Amino acid sequence: FGPGAVDIDLKVAARTAAEACAIVRQRVTAALDENWPIVE
């Protein structure tokens, strides 16, 4: 983390890369408010 930035790496069990990304995107979006949009 730093000013205006946060990055996190997770080990995730999923069938596909797309599924793994979708799981994480959904949960991170729910955890952070609208002032912290996901960029990647």
PDB file of all heavy atoms in Angstrom:
ATOM      1  N   PHE A   1       0.837  -1.193   0.000  1.00  0.00           N
ATOM      2  CA  PHE A   1       0.000   0.000   0.000  1.00  0.00           C
ATOM      3  C   PHE A   1       0.872   1.243   0.000  1.00  0.00           C
ATOM      4  O   PHE A   1       2.051   1.196   0.319  1.00  0.00           O
ATOM      5  CB  PHE A   1      -0.948   0.018   1.196  1.00  0.00           C
ATOM      6  CG  PHE A   1      -0.232  -0.129   2.519  1.00  0.00           C
ATOM      7  CD1 PHE A   1       0.297   0.971   3.156  1.00  0.00           C
ATOM      8  CD2 PHE A   1      -0.083  -1.374   3.087  1.00  0.00           C
ATOM      9  CE1 PHE A   1       0.969   0.821   4.360  1.00  0.00           C
ATOM     10  CE2 PHE A   1       0.586  -1.529   4.295  1.00  0.00           C
ATOM     11  CZ  PHE A   1       1.111  -0.421   4.934  1.00  0.00           C
ATOM     12  N   GLY A   2       0.269   2.334  -0.390  1.00  0.00           N
ATOM     13  CA  GLY A   2       0.929   3.628  -0.405  1.00  0.00           C
ATOM     14  C   GLY A   2      -0.121   4.695  -0.619  1.00  0.00           C
ATOM     15  O   GLY A   2      -1.314   4.401  -0.666  1.00  0.00           O
ATOM     16  N   PRO A   3       0.312   5.952  -0.779  1.00  0.00           N
ATOM     17  CA  PRO A   3      -0.666   7.012  -1.009  1.00  0.00           C
ATOM     18  C   PRO A   3      -1.483   6.730  -2.273  1.00  0.00           C
ATOM     19  O   PRO A   3      -0.928   6.589  -3.358  1.00  0.00           O
ATOM     20  CB  PRO A   3       0.201   8.265  -1.186  1.00  0.00           C
ATOM     21  CG  PRO A   3       1.503   7.922  -0.543  1.00  0.00           C
ATOM     22  CD  PRO A   3       1.676   6.445  -0.731  1.00  0.00           C
ATOM     23  N   GLY A   4      -2.766   6.572  -2.111  1.00  0.00           N
ATOM     24  CA  GLY A   4      -3.657   6.372  -3.249  1.00  0.00           C
ATOM     25  C   GLY A   4      -3.577   5.004  -3.900  1.00  0.00           C
ATOM     26  O   GLY A   4      -4.087   4.823  -4.998  1.00  0.00           O
ATOM     27  N   ALA A   5      -2.957   4.021  -3.252  1.00  0.00           N
ATOM     28  CA  ALA A   5      -2.801   2.712  -3.886  1.00  0.00           C
ATOM     29  C   ALA A   5      -2.834   1.580  -2.859  1.00  0.00           C
ATOM     30  O   ALA A   5      -2.337   1.721  -1.747  1.00  0.00           O
ATOM     31  CB  ALA A   5      -1.481   2.650  -4.640  1.00  0.00           C
ATOM     32  N   VAL A   6      -3.431   0.482  -3.272  1.00  0.00           N
ATOM     33  CA  VAL A   6      -3.364  -0.747  -2.491  1.00  0.00           C
ATOM     34  C   VAL A   6      -3.360  -1.913  -3.488  1.00  0.00           C
ATOM     35  O   VAL A   6      -4.105  -1.924  -4.456  1.00  0.00           O
ATOM     36  CB  VAL A   6      -4.524  -0.868  -1.463  1.00  0.00           C
ATOM     37  CG1 VAL A   6      -5.871  -0.922  -2.139  1.00  0.00           C
ATOM     38  CG2 VAL A   6      -4.325  -2.056  -0.551  1.00  0.00           C
ATOM     39  N   ASP A   7      -2.438  -2.846  -3.282  1.00  0.00           N
ATOM     40  CA  ASP A   7      -2.321  -4.044  -4.110  1.00  0.00           C
ATOM     41  C   ASP A   7      -2.300  -5.250  -3.182  1.00  0.00           C
ATOM     42  O   ASP A   7      -1.699  -5.194  -2.109  1.00  0.00           O
ATOM     43  CB  ASP A   7      -1.027  -4.051  -4.929  1.00  0.00           C
ATOM     44  CG  ASP A   7      -0.912  -2.864  -5.862  1.00  0.00           C
ATOM     45  OD1 ASP A   7      -1.953  -2.338  -6.291  1.00  0.00           O
ATOM     46  OD2 ASP A   7       0.220  -2.471  -6.153  1.00  0.00           O
ATOM     47  N   ILE A   8      -2.918  -6.327  -3.606  1.00  0.00           N
ATOM     48  CA  ILE A   8      -2.950  -7.526  -2.775  1.00  0.00           C
ATOM     49  C   ILE A   8      -2.861  -8.762  -3.665  1.00  0.00           C
ATOM     50  O   ILE A   8      -3.423  -8.792  -4.755  1.00  0.00           O
ATOM     51  CB  ILE A   8      -4.223  -7.522  -1.885  1.00  0.00           C
ATOM     52  CG1 ILE A   8      -4.124  -8.515  -0.757  1.00  0.00           C
ATOM     53  CG2 ILE A   8      -5.475  -7.694  -2.693  1.00  0.00           C
ATOM     54  CD1 ILE A   8      -5.089  -8.245   0.378  1.00  0.00           C
ATOM     55  N   ASP A   9      -2.092  -9.739  -3.220  1.00  0.00           N
ATOM     56  CA  ASP A   9      -1.959 -11.022  -3.916  1.00  0.00           C
ATOM     57  C   ASP A   9      -2.622 -12.090  -3.058  1.00  0.00           C
ATOM     58  O   ASP A   9      -2.375 -12.154  -1.850  1.00  0.00           O
ATOM     59  CB  ASP A   9      -0.493 -11.402  -4.126  1.00  0.00           C
ATOM     60  CG  ASP A   9       0.266 -10.426  -5.004  1.00  0.00           C
ATOM     61  OD1 ASP A   9      -0.382  -9.729  -5.800  1.00  0.00           O
ATOM     62  OD2 ASP A   9       1.496 -10.379  -4.888  1.00  0.00           O
ATOM     63  N   LEU A  10      -3.438 -12.925  -3.690  1.00  0.00           N
ATOM     64  CA  LEU A  10      -4.154 -13.975  -2.970  1.00  0.00           C
ATOM     65  C   LEU A  10      -3.971 -15.322  -3.650  1.00  0.00           C
ATOM     66  O   LEU A  10      -3.941 -15.395  -4.878  1.00  0.00           O
ATOM     67  CB  LEU A  10      -5.662 -13.665  -2.950  1.00  0.00           C
ATOM     68  CG  LEU A  10      -6.050 -12.389  -2.257  1.00  0.00           C
ATOM     69  CD1 LEU A  10      -6.918 -11.579  -3.156  1.00  0.00           C
ATOM     70  CD2 LEU A  10      -6.750 -12.702  -0.983  1.00  0.00           C
ATOM     71  N   LYS A  11      -3.909 -16.349  -2.852  1.00  0.00           N
ATOM     72  CA  LYS A  11      -3.927 -17.719  -3.347  1.00  0.00           C
ATOM     73  C   LYS A  11      -5.387 -18.159  -3.320  1.00  0.00           C
ATOM     74  O   LYS A  11      -6.029 -18.148  -2.274  1.00  0.00           O
ATOM     75  CB  LYS A  11      -3.061 -18.605  -2.446  1.00  0.00           C
ATOM     76  CG  LYS A  11      -2.963 -20.033  -2.891  1.00  0.00           C
ATOM     77  CD  LYS A  11      -1.949 -20.816  -2.083  1.00  0.00           C
ATOM     78  CE  LYS A  11      -2.352 -20.947  -0.638  1.00  0.00           C
ATOM     79  NZ  LYS A  11      -1.512 -21.878   0.135  1.00  0.00           N
ATOM     80  N   VAL A  12      -5.923 -18.516  -4.505  1.00  0.00           N
ATOM     81  CA  VAL A  12      -7.349 -18.811  -4.645  1.00  0.00           C
ATOM     82  C   VAL A  12      -7.529 -20.148  -5.348  1.00  0.00           C
ATOM     83  O   VAL A  12      -6.847 -20.431  -6.330  1.00  0.00           O
ATOM     84  CB  VAL A  12      -8.048 -17.699  -5.478  1.00  0.00           C
ATOM     85  CG1 VAL A  12      -9.498 -18.009  -5.690  1.00  0.00           C
ATOM     86  CG2 VAL A  12      -7.866 -16.344  -4.818  1.00  0.00           C
ATOM     87  N   ALA A  13      -8.463 -20.945  -4.868  1.00  0.00           N
ATOM     88  CA  ALA A  13      -8.810 -22.202  -5.532  1.00  0.00           C
ATOM     89  C   ALA A  13     -10.012 -21.949  -6.438  1.00  0.00           C
ATOM     90  O   ALA A  13     -11.046 -21.461  -5.986  1.00  0.00           O
ATOM     91  CB  ALA A  13      -9.140 -23.279  -4.513  1.00  0.00           C
ATOM     92  N   ALA A  14      -9.848 -22.246  -7.725  1.00  0.00           N
ATOM     93  CA  ALA A  14     -10.935 -22.045  -8.690  1.00  0.00           C
ATOM     94  C   ALA A  14     -10.680 -22.931  -9.903  1.00  0.00           C
ATOM     95  O   ALA A  14      -9.569 -23.420 -10.111  1.00  0.00           O
ATOM     96  CB  ALA A  14     -11.024 -20.585  -9.098  1.00  0.00           C
ATOM     97  N   ARG A  15     -11.709 -23.119 -10.713  1.00  0.00           N
ATOM     98  CA  ARG A  15     -11.568 -23.949 -11.912  1.00  0.00           C
ATOM     99  C   ARG A  15     -10.784 -23.248 -13.018  1.00  0.00           C
ATOM    100  O   ARG A  15     -10.032 -23.869 -13.747  1.00  0.00           O
ATOM    101  CB  ARG A  15     -12.942 -24.363 -12.421  1.00  0.00           C
ATOM    102  CG  ARG A  15     -13.639 -25.353 -11.512  1.00  0.00           C
ATOM    103  CD  ARG A  15     -15.049 -25.672 -12.025  1.00  0.00           C
ATOM    104  NE  ARG A  15     -15.760 -26.524 -11.114  1.00  0.00           N
ATOM    105  CZ  ARG A  15     -16.406 -26.093 -10.024  1.00  0.00           C
ATOM    106  NH1 ARG A  15     -16.407 -24.820  -9.719  1.00  0.00           N
ATOM    107  NH2 ARG A  15     -17.036 -26.933  -9.242  1.00  0.00           N
ATOM    108  N   THR A  16     -11.011 -21.929 -13.159  1.00  0.00           N
ATOM    109  CA  THR A  16     -10.373 -21.164 -14.229  1.00  0.00           C
ATOM    110  C   THR A  16      -9.832 -19.846 -13.684  1.00  0.00           C
ATOM    111  O   THR A  16     -10.240 -19.391 -12.605  1.00  0.00           O
ATOM    112  CB  THR A  16     -11.370 -20.838 -15.355  1.00  0.00           C
ATOM    113  OG1 THR A  16     -12.374 -19.950 -14.830  1.00  0.00           O
ATOM    114  CG2 THR A  16     -12.024 -22.097 -15.925  1.00  0.00           C
ATOM    115  N   ALA A  17      -8.966 -19.222 -14.471  1.00  0.00           N
ATOM    116  CA  ALA A  17      -8.445 -17.909 -14.092  1.00  0.00           C
ATOM    117  C   ALA A  17      -9.583 -16.890 -14.026  1.00  0.00           C
ATOM    118  O   ALA A  17      -9.619 -16.049 -13.128  1.00  0.00           O
ATOM    119  CB  ALA A  17      -7.381 -17.462 -15.086  1.00  0.00           C
ATOM    120  N   ALA A  18     -10.505 -16.967 -14.968  1.00  0.00           N
ATOM    121  CA  ALA A  18     -11.639 -16.036 -14.991  1.00  0.00           C
ATOM    122  C   ALA A  18     -12.480 -16.172 -13.719  1.00  0.00           C
ATOM    123  O   ALA A  18     -12.918 -15.166 -13.143  1.00  0.00           O
ATOM    124  CB  ALA A  18     -12.497 -16.272 -16.228  1.00  0.00           C
ATOM    125  N   GLU A  19     -12.704 -17.401 -13.286  1.00  0.00           N
ATOM    126  CA  GLU A  19     -13.475 -17.624 -12.062  1.00  0.00           C
ATOM    127  C   GLU A  19     -12.727 -17.072 -10.853  1.00  0.00           C
ATOM    128  O   GLU A  19     -13.320 -16.424  -9.989  1.00  0.00           O
ATOM    129  CB  GLU A  19     -13.753 -19.113 -11.872  1.00  0.00           C
ATOM    130  CG  GLU A  19     -14.531 -19.423 -10.619  1.00  0.00           C
ATOM    131  CD  GLU A  19     -14.727 -20.913 -10.378  1.00  0.00           C
ATOM    132  OE1 GLU A  19     -14.208 -21.750 -11.156  1.00  0.00           O
ATOM    133  OE2 GLU A  19     -15.400 -21.250  -9.399  1.00  0.00           O
ATOM    134  N   ALA A  20     -11.427 -17.311 -10.775  1.00  0.00           N
ATOM    135  CA  ALA A  20     -10.620 -16.811  -9.661  1.00  0.00           C
ATOM    136  C   ALA A  20     -10.670 -15.283  -9.612  1.00  0.00           C
ATOM    137  O   ALA A  20     -10.866 -14.684  -8.544  1.00  0.00           O
ATOM    138  CB  ALA A  20      -9.182 -17.293  -9.786  1.00  0.00           C
ATOM    139  N   CYS A  21     -10.527 -14.644 -10.767  1.00  0.00           N
ATOM    140  CA  CYS A  21     -10.576 -13.180 -10.832  1.00  0.00           C
ATOM    141  C   CYS A  21     -11.945 -12.648 -10.427  1.00  0.00           C
ATOM    142  O   CYS A  21     -12.049 -11.648  -9.718  1.00  0.00           O
ATOM    143  CB  CYS A  21     -10.209 -12.700 -12.230  1.00  0.00           C
ATOM    144  SG  CYS A  21      -8.455 -12.866 -12.630  1.00  0.00           S
ATOM    145  N   ALA A  22     -12.999 -13.305 -10.871  1.00  0.00           N
ATOM    146  CA  ALA A  22     -14.356 -12.866 -10.552  1.00  0.00           C
ATOM    147  C   ALA A  22     -14.618 -12.948  -9.049  1.00  0.00           C
ATOM    148  O   ALA A  22     -15.224 -12.034  -8.467  1.00  0.00           O
ATOM    149  CB  ALA A  22     -15.379 -13.697 -11.320  1.00  0.00           C
ATOM    150  N   ILE A  23     -14.177 -14.025  -8.415  1.00  0.00           N
ATOM    151  CA  ILE A  23     -14.352 -14.188  -6.967  1.00  0.00           C
ATOM    152  C   ILE A  23     -13.668 -13.037  -6.234  1.00  0.00           C
ATOM    153  O   ILE A  23     -14.261 -12.377  -5.379  1.00  0.00           O
ATOM    154  CB  ILE A  23     -13.778 -15.539  -6.491  1.00  0.00           C
ATOM    155  CG1 ILE A  23     -14.628 -16.701  -6.988  1.00  0.00           C
ATOM    156  CG2 ILE A  23     -13.650 -15.573  -4.963  1.00  0.00           C
ATOM    157  CD1 ILE A  23     -13.954 -18.060  -6.843  1.00  0.00           C
ATOM    158  N   VAL A  24     -12.420 -12.797  -6.582  1.00  0.00           N
ATOM    159  CA  VAL A  24     -11.655 -11.761  -5.892  1.00  0.00           C
ATOM    160  C   VAL A  24     -12.214 -10.371  -6.192  1.00  0.00           C
ATOM    161  O   VAL A  24     -12.369  -9.548  -5.290  1.00  0.00           O
ATOM    162  CB  VAL A  24     -10.161 -11.867  -6.250  1.00  0.00           C
ATOM    163  CG1 VAL A  24      -9.384 -10.693  -5.700  1.00  0.00           C
ATOM    164  CG2 VAL A  24      -9.597 -13.179  -5.713  1.00  0.00           C
ATOM    165  N   ARG A  25     -12.544 -10.100  -7.442  1.00  0.00           N
ATOM    166  CA  ARG A  25     -13.097  -8.781  -7.801  1.00  0.00           C
ATOM    167  C   ARG A  25     -14.363  -8.492  -6.999  1.00  0.00           C
ATOM    168  O   ARG A  25     -14.536  -7.407  -6.442  1.00  0.00           O
ATOM    169  CB  ARG A  25     -13.395  -8.704  -9.287  1.00  0.00           C
ATOM    170  CG  ARG A  25     -14.006  -7.368  -9.706  1.00  0.00           C
ATOM    171  CD  ARG A  25     -14.302  -7.306 -11.190  1.00  0.00           C
ATOM    172  NE  ARG A  25     -13.112  -7.252 -11.995  1.00  0.00           N
ATOM    173  CZ  ARG A  25     -12.418  -6.139 -12.251  1.00  0.00           C
ATOM    174  NH1 ARG A  25     -12.806  -5.000 -11.728  1.00  0.00           N
ATOM    175  NH2 ARG A  25     -11.350  -6.173 -13.008  1.00  0.00           N
ATOM    176  N   GLN A  26     -15.259  -9.471  -6.920  1.00  0.00           N
ATOM    177  CA  GLN A  26     -16.515  -9.281  -6.198  1.00  0.00           C
ATOM    178  C   GLN A  26     -16.264  -9.002  -4.716  1.00  0.00           C
ATOM    179  O   GLN A  26     -16.858  -8.090  -4.136  1.00  0.00           O
ATOM    180  CB  GLN A  26     -17.391 -10.525  -6.354  1.00  0.00           C
ATOM    181  CG  GLN A  26     -18.691 -10.438  -5.599  1.00  0.00           C
ATOM    182  CD  GLN A  26     -19.479 -11.733  -5.678  1.00  0.00           C
ATOM    183  OE1 GLN A  26     -18.928 -12.812  -5.880  1.00  0.00           O
ATOM    184  NE2 GLN A  26     -20.783 -11.630  -5.525  1.00  0.00           N
ATOM    185  N   ARG A  27     -15.370  -9.751  -4.104  1.00  0.00           N
ATOM    186  CA  ARG A  27     -15.146  -9.592  -2.660  1.00  0.00           C
ATOM    187  C   ARG A  27     -14.364  -8.330  -2.322  1.00  0.00           C
ATOM    188  O   ARG A  27     -14.638  -7.694  -1.313  1.00  0.00           O
ATOM    189  CB  ARG A  27     -14.474 -10.836  -2.116  1.00  0.00           C
ATOM    190  CG  ARG A  27     -15.389 -12.041  -2.301  1.00  0.00           C
ATOM    191  CD  ARG A  27     -15.227 -13.054  -1.266  1.00  0.00           C
ATOM    192  NE  ARG A  27     -16.149 -14.152  -1.491  1.00  0.00           N
ATOM    193  CZ  ARG A  27     -16.010 -15.331  -0.953  1.00  0.00           C
ATOM    194  NH1 ARG A  27     -14.980 -15.582  -0.170  1.00  0.00           N
ATOM    195  NH2 ARG A  27     -16.889 -16.273  -1.188  1.00  0.00           N
ATOM    196  N   VAL A  28     -13.410  -7.963  -3.170  1.00  0.00           N
ATOM    197  CA  VAL A  28     -12.666  -6.725  -2.926  1.00  0.00           C
ATOM    198  C   VAL A  28     -13.576  -5.518  -3.128  1.00  0.00           C
ATOM    199  O   VAL A  28     -13.538  -4.575  -2.345  1.00  0.00           O
ATOM    200  CB  VAL A  28     -11.399  -6.653  -3.813  1.00  0.00           C
ATOM    201  CG1 VAL A  28     -10.778  -5.258  -3.771  1.00  0.00           C
ATOM    202  CG2 VAL A  28     -10.381  -7.696  -3.371  1.00  0.00           C
ATOM    203  N   THR A  29     -14.414  -5.547  -4.153  1.00  0.00           N
ATOM    204  CA  THR A  29     -15.364  -4.465  -4.385  1.00  0.00           C
ATOM    205  C   THR A  29     -16.286  -4.300  -3.179  1.00  0.00           C
ATOM    206  O   THR A  29     -16.576  -3.174  -2.761  1.00  0.00           O
ATOM    207  CB  THR A  29     -16.193  -4.730  -5.660  1.00  0.00           C
ATOM    208  OG1 THR A  29     -15.301  -4.771  -6.771  1.00  0.00           O
ATOM    209  CG2 THR A  29     -17.239  -3.658  -5.882  1.00  0.00           C
ATOM    210  N   ALA A  30     -16.722  -5.400  -2.592  1.00  0.00           N
ATOM    211  CA  ALA A  30     -17.593  -5.342  -1.416  1.00  0.00           C
ATOM    212  C   ALA A  30     -16.843  -4.812  -0.190  1.00  0.00           C
ATOM    213  O   ALA A  30     -17.438  -4.151   0.661  1.00  0.00           O
ATOM    214  CB  ALA A  30     -18.172  -6.726  -1.126  1.00  0.00           C
ATOM    215  N   ALA A  31     -15.546  -5.084  -0.093  1.00  0.00           N
ATOM    216  CA  ALA A  31     -14.763  -4.683   1.076  1.00  0.00           C
ATOM    217  C   ALA A  31     -14.364  -3.206   1.041  1.00  0.00           C
ATOM    218  O   ALA A  31     -14.259  -2.558   2.083  1.00  0.00           O
ATOM    219  CB  ALA A  31     -13.508  -5.543   1.195  1.00  0.00           C
ATOM    220  N   LEU A  32     -14.125  -2.670  -0.154  1.00  0.00           N
ATOM    221  CA  LEU A  32     -13.690  -1.284  -0.282  1.00  0.00           C
ATOM    222  C   LEU A  32     -14.867  -0.405  -0.705  1.00  0.00           C
ATOM    223  O   LEU A  32     -15.804  -0.868  -1.326  1.00  0.00           O
ATOM    224  CB  LEU A  32     -12.582  -1.168  -1.337  1.00  0.00           C
ATOM    225  CG  LEU A  32     -11.273  -1.874  -1.014  1.00  0.00           C
ATOM    226  CD1 LEU A  32     -10.310  -1.737  -2.177  1.00  0.00           C
ATOM    227  CD2 LEU A  32     -10.662  -1.329   0.272  1.00  0.00           C
ATOM    228  N   ASP A  33     -14.769   0.879  -0.390  1.00  0.00           N
ATOM    229  CA  ASP A  33     -15.836   1.780  -0.817  1.00  0.00           C
ATOM    230  C   ASP A  33     -15.565   2.300  -2.228  1.00  0.00           C
ATOM    231  O   ASP A  33     -14.553   1.977  -2.846  1.00  0.00           O
ATOM    232  CB  ASP A  33     -16.039   2.913   0.194  1.00  0.00           C
ATOM    233  CG  ASP A  33     -14.821   3.794   0.338  1.00  0.00           C
ATOM    234  OD1 ASP A  33     -14.054   3.939  -0.635  1.00  0.00           O
ATOM    235  OD2 ASP A  33     -14.632   4.362   1.430  1.00  0.00           O
ATOM    236  N   GLU A  34     -16.480   3.117  -2.722  1.00  0.00           N
ATOM    237  CA  GLU A  34     -16.390   3.600  -4.102  1.00  0.00           C
ATOM    238  C   GLU A  34     -15.195   4.521  -4.345  1.00  0.00           C
ATOM    239  O   GLU A  34     -14.873   4.827  -5.485  1.00  0.00           O
ATOM    240  CB  GLU A  34     -17.687   4.302  -4.516  1.00  0.00           C
ATOM    241  CG  GLU A  34     -18.001   5.570  -3.754  1.00  0.00           C
ATOM    242  CD  GLU A  34     -18.662   5.359  -2.386  1.00  0.00           C
ATOM    243  OE1 GLU A  34     -19.002   4.218  -2.039  1.00  0.00           O
ATOM    244  OE2 GLU A  34     -18.835   6.352  -1.677  1.00  0.00           O
ATOM    245  N   ASN A  35     -14.521   4.954  -3.294  1.00  0.00           N
ATOM    246  CA  ASN A  35     -13.322   5.783  -3.465  1.00  0.00           C
ATOM    247  C   ASN A  35     -12.088   4.965  -3.838  1.00  0.00           C
ATOM    248  O   ASN A  35     -11.029   5.534  -4.090  1.00  0.00           O
ATOM    249  CB  ASN A  35     -13.039   6.575  -2.175  1.00  0.00           C
ATOM    250  CG  ASN A  35     -14.102   7.608  -1.900  1.00  0.00           C
ATOM    251  OD1 ASN A  35     -14.579   8.270  -2.813  1.00  0.00           O
ATOM    252  ND2 ASN A  35     -14.504   7.727  -0.657  1.00  0.00           N
ATOM    253  N   TRP A  36     -12.215   3.653  -3.866  1.00  0.00           N
ATOM    254  CA  TRP A  36     -11.095   2.763  -4.185  1.00  0.00           C
ATOM    255  C   TRP A  36     -11.491   1.823  -5.317  1.00  0.00           C
ATOM    256  O   TRP A  36     -11.659   0.622  -5.123  1.00  0.00           O
ATOM    257  CB  TRP A  36     -10.695   1.952  -2.951  1.00  0.00           C
ATOM    258  CG  TRP A  36     -10.039   2.804  -1.927  1.00  0.00           C
ATOM    259  CD1 TRP A  36     -10.635   3.441  -0.884  1.00  0.00           C
ATOM    260  CD2 TRP A  36      -8.663   3.152  -1.879  1.00  0.00           C
ATOM    261  NE1 TRP A  36      -9.714   4.149  -0.181  1.00  0.00           N
ATOM    262  CE2 TRP A  36      -8.489   3.988  -0.762  1.00  0.00           C
ATOM    263  CE3 TRP A  36      -7.562   2.828  -2.664  1.00  0.00           C
ATOM    264  CZ2 TRP A  36      -7.245   4.518  -0.416  1.00  0.00           C
ATOM    265  CZ3 TRP A  36      -6.321   3.343  -2.314  1.00  0.00           C
ATOM    266  CH2 TRP A  36      -6.181   4.186  -1.203  1.00  0.00           C
ATOM    267  N   PRO A  37     -11.636   2.336  -6.545  1.00  0.00           N
ATOM    268  CA  PRO A  37     -12.000   1.458  -7.660  1.00  0.00           C
ATOM    269  C   PRO A  37     -10.874   0.495  -8.022  1.00  0.00           C
ATOM    270  O   PRO A  37      -9.692   0.837  -7.935  1.00  0.00           O
ATOM    271  CB  PRO A  37     -12.280   2.440  -8.801  1.00  0.00           C
ATOM    272  CG  PRO A  37     -11.523   3.675  -8.451  1.00  0.00           C
ATOM    273  CD  PRO A  37     -11.489   3.735  -6.953  1.00  0.00           C
ATOM    274  N   ILE A  38     -11.276  -0.693  -8.406  1.00  0.00           N
ATOM    275  CA  ILE A  38     -10.312  -1.706  -8.852  1.00  0.00           C
ATOM    276  C   ILE A  38      -9.860  -1.339 -10.255  1.00  0.00           C
ATOM    277  O   ILE A  38     -10.677  -1.066 -11.129  1.00  0.00           O
ATOM    278  CB  ILE A  38     -10.949  -3.106  -8.831  1.00  0.00           C
ATOM    279  CG1 ILE A  38     -11.271  -3.498  -7.392  1.00  0.00           C
ATOM    280  CG2 ILE A  38     -10.036  -4.124  -9.504  1.00  0.00           C
ATOM    281  CD1 ILE A  38     -12.064  -4.768  -7.268  1.00  0.00           C
ATOM    282  N   VAL A  39      -8.560  -1.330 -10.468  1.00  0.00           N
ATOM    283  CA  VAL A  39      -8.029  -0.981 -11.783  1.00  0.00           C
ATOM    284  C   VAL A  39      -7.458  -2.191 -12.520  1.00  0.00           C
ATOM    285  O   VAL A  39      -7.296  -2.151 -13.730  1.00  0.00           O
ATOM    286  CB  VAL A  39      -6.950   0.127 -11.699  1.00  0.00           C
ATOM    287  CG1 VAL A  39      -7.569   1.424 -11.212  1.00  0.00           C
ATOM    288  CG2 VAL A  39      -5.784  -0.280 -10.830  1.00  0.00           C
ATOM    289  N   GLU A  40      -7.183  -3.266 -11.783  1.00  0.00           N
ATOM    290  CA  GLU A  40      -6.616  -4.450 -12.439  1.00  0.00           C
ATOM    291  C   GLU A  40      -6.823  -5.687 -11.583  1.00  0.00           C
ATOM    292  O   GLU A  40      -6.674  -5.634 -10.368  1.00  0.00           O
ATOM    293  CB  GLU A  40      -5.122  -4.236 -12.675  1.00  0.00           C
ATOM    294  CG  GLU A  40      -4.448  -5.372 -13.397  1.00  0.00           C
ATOM    295  CD  GLU A  40      -2.958  -5.100 -13.632  1.00  0.00           C
ATOM    296  OE1 GLU A  40      -2.377  -4.265 -12.961  1.00  0.00           O
ATOM    297  OE2 GLU A  40      -2.428  -5.770 -14.506  1.00  0.00           O
TER     298      GLU A  40
END
